[in-house]
C-alpha atoms as a PDB file:
ATOM      1  CA  UNK A   1      11.831  -5.881 -16.775  1.00  0.00           C
ATOM      2  CA  UNK A   2       8.846  -3.549 -16.498  1.00  0.00           C
ATOM      3  CA  UNK A   3       9.187  -0.241 -14.707  1.00  0.00           C
ATOM      4  CA  UNK A   4       5.998   1.208 -13.269  1.00  0.00           C
ATOM      5  CA  UNK A   5       5.666   4.601 -11.671  1.00  0.00           C
ATOM      6  CA  UNK A   6       2.852   5.335  -9.289  1.00  0.00           C
ATOM      7  CA  UNK A   7       1.399   8.700 -10.316  1.00  0.00           C
ATOM      8  CA  UNK A   8       0.541   9.594  -6.710  1.00  0.00           C
ATOM      9  CA  UNK A   9       4.146   9.022  -5.614  1.00  0.00           C
ATOM     10  CA  UNK A  10       5.419  11.077  -8.543  1.00  0.00           C
ATOM     11  CA  UNK A  11       3.055  13.937  -7.652  1.00  0.00           C
ATOM     12  CA  UNK A  12       4.139  13.741  -3.996  1.00  0.00           C
ATOM     13  CA  UNK A  13       7.752  14.218  -5.072  1.00  0.00           C
ATOM     14  CA  UNK A  14       6.767  17.156  -7.312  1.00  0.00           C
ATOM     15  CA  UNK A  15       4.814  18.758  -4.446  1.00  0.00           C
ATOM     16  CA  UNK A  16       7.735  18.419  -2.055  1.00  0.00           C
ATOM     17  CA  UNK A  17      10.140  19.952  -4.568  1.00  0.00           C
ATOM     18  CA  UNK A  18       7.768  22.834  -5.348  1.00  0.00           C
ATOM     19  CA  UNK A  19       7.097  23.624  -1.684  1.00  0.00           C
ATOM     20  CA  UNK A  20      10.815  23.757  -0.861  1.00  0.00           C
ATOM     21  CA  UNK A  21      11.198  26.865  -3.015  1.00  0.00           C
ATOM     22  CA  UNK A  22      11.186  30.274  -1.381  1.00  0.00           C
ATOM     23  CA  UNK A  23       7.785  31.938  -1.116  1.00  0.00           C
ATOM     24  CA  UNK A  24       9.068  35.231  -2.511  1.00  0.00           C
ATOM     25  CA  UNK A  25      10.199  33.495  -5.698  1.00  0.00           C
ATOM     26  CA  UNK A  26       6.705  32.255  -6.588  1.00  0.00           C
ATOM     27  CA  UNK A  27       4.383  33.996  -8.981  1.00  0.00           C
ATOM     28  CA  UNK A  28       0.610  33.847  -8.720  1.00  0.00           C
ATOM     29  CA  UNK A  29       0.452  31.350 -11.595  1.00  0.00           C
ATOM     30  CA  UNK A  30       3.081  29.216  -9.890  1.00  0.00           C
ATOM     31  CA  UNK A  31       1.029  29.113  -6.688  1.00  0.00           C
ATOM     32  CA  UNK A  32      -2.135  28.229  -8.633  1.00  0.00           C
ATOM     33  CA  UNK A  33      -0.323  25.377 -10.370  1.00  0.00           C
ATOM     34  CA  UNK A  34       0.836  24.061  -6.987  1.00  0.00           C
ATOM     35  CA  UNK A  35      -2.765  24.121  -5.728  1.00  0.00           C
ATOM     36  CA  UNK A  36      -3.951  22.191  -8.792  1.00  0.00           C
ATOM     37  CA  UNK A  37      -1.204  19.598  -8.340  1.00  0.00           C
ATOM     38  CA  UNK A  38      -2.114  19.148  -4.669  1.00  0.00           C
ATOM     39  CA  UNK A  39      -5.813  18.756  -5.548  1.00  0.00           C
ATOM     40  CA  UNK A  40      -5.019  16.103  -8.168  1.00  0.00           C
ATOM     41  CA  UNK A  41      -2.814  14.342  -5.611  1.00  0.00           C
ATOM     42  CA  UNK A  42      -5.718  14.362  -3.141  1.00  0.00           C
ATOM     43  CA  UNK A  43      -8.082  12.864  -5.710  1.00  0.00           C
ATOM     44  CA  UNK A  44      -5.582  10.125  -6.542  1.00  0.00           C
ATOM     45  CA  UNK A  45      -4.842   9.205  -2.938  1.00  0.00           C
ATOM     46  CA  UNK A  46      -8.416   9.453  -1.564  1.00  0.00           C
ATOM     47  CA  UNK A  47      -9.691   5.978  -2.599  1.00  0.00           C
ATOM     48  CA  UNK A  48      -6.599   4.182  -1.259  1.00  0.00           C
ATOM     49  CA  UNK A  49      -6.269   2.636   2.181  1.00  0.00           C
ATOM     50  CA  UNK A  50      -3.809   5.357   3.167  1.00  0.00           C
ATOM     51  CA  UNK A  51      -6.258   8.055   2.033  1.00  0.00           C
ATOM     52  CA  UNK A  52      -9.048   6.491   4.089  1.00  0.00           C
ATOM     53  CA  UNK A  53      -6.747   6.351   7.122  1.00  0.00           C
ATOM     54  CA  UNK A  54      -5.967  10.069   6.734  1.00  0.00           C
ATOM     55  CA  UNK A  55      -9.703  10.796   6.474  1.00  0.00           C
ATOM     56  CA  UNK A  56     -10.375   8.831   9.681  1.00  0.00           C
ATOM     57  CA  UNK A  57      -7.558  10.563  11.592  1.00  0.00           C
ATOM     58  CA  UNK A  58      -8.627  14.052  10.489  1.00  0.00           C
ATOM     59  CA  UNK A  59     -12.266  13.223  11.292  1.00  0.00           C
ATOM     60  CA  UNK A  60     -11.369  12.063  14.789  1.00  0.00           C
ATOM     61  CA  UNK A  61      -9.218  15.150  15.318  1.00  0.00           C
ATOM     62  CA  UNK A  62     -12.031  17.453  14.194  1.00  0.00           C
ATOM     63  CA  UNK A  63     -14.506  15.600  16.420  1.00  0.00           C
ATOM     64  CA  UNK A  64     -12.150  15.947  19.393  1.00  0.00           C
ATOM     65  CA  UNK A  65     -11.726  19.666  18.786  1.00  0.00           C
ATOM     66  CA  UNK A  66     -15.471  20.239  18.459  1.00  0.00           C
ATOM     67  CA  UNK A  67     -16.152  18.169  21.593  1.00  0.00           C
ATOM     68  CA  UNK A  68     -13.582  20.107  23.609  1.00  0.00           C
ATOM     69  CA  UNK A  69     -15.513  23.360  22.981  1.00  0.00           C
ATOM     70  CA  UNK A  70     -18.760  21.908  24.374  1.00  0.00           C
ATOM     71  CA  UNK A  71     -19.568  22.272  28.084  1.00  0.00           C
END
């Protein structure tokens, strides 16, 4: 039996656990580490089908917002 762990899923769990902590309890270094973890997660998930779907949804949302400001 081979156990494989998807690194993106593992990072998602770490991000969720880190963001559940109280804001007052975080140091500056702790916040910087969270940002680095989120950036690595983004790089890992970007080339996947789910990452491309997120990119499409955010792009359509941004286009809708920019179009709503035009006369």
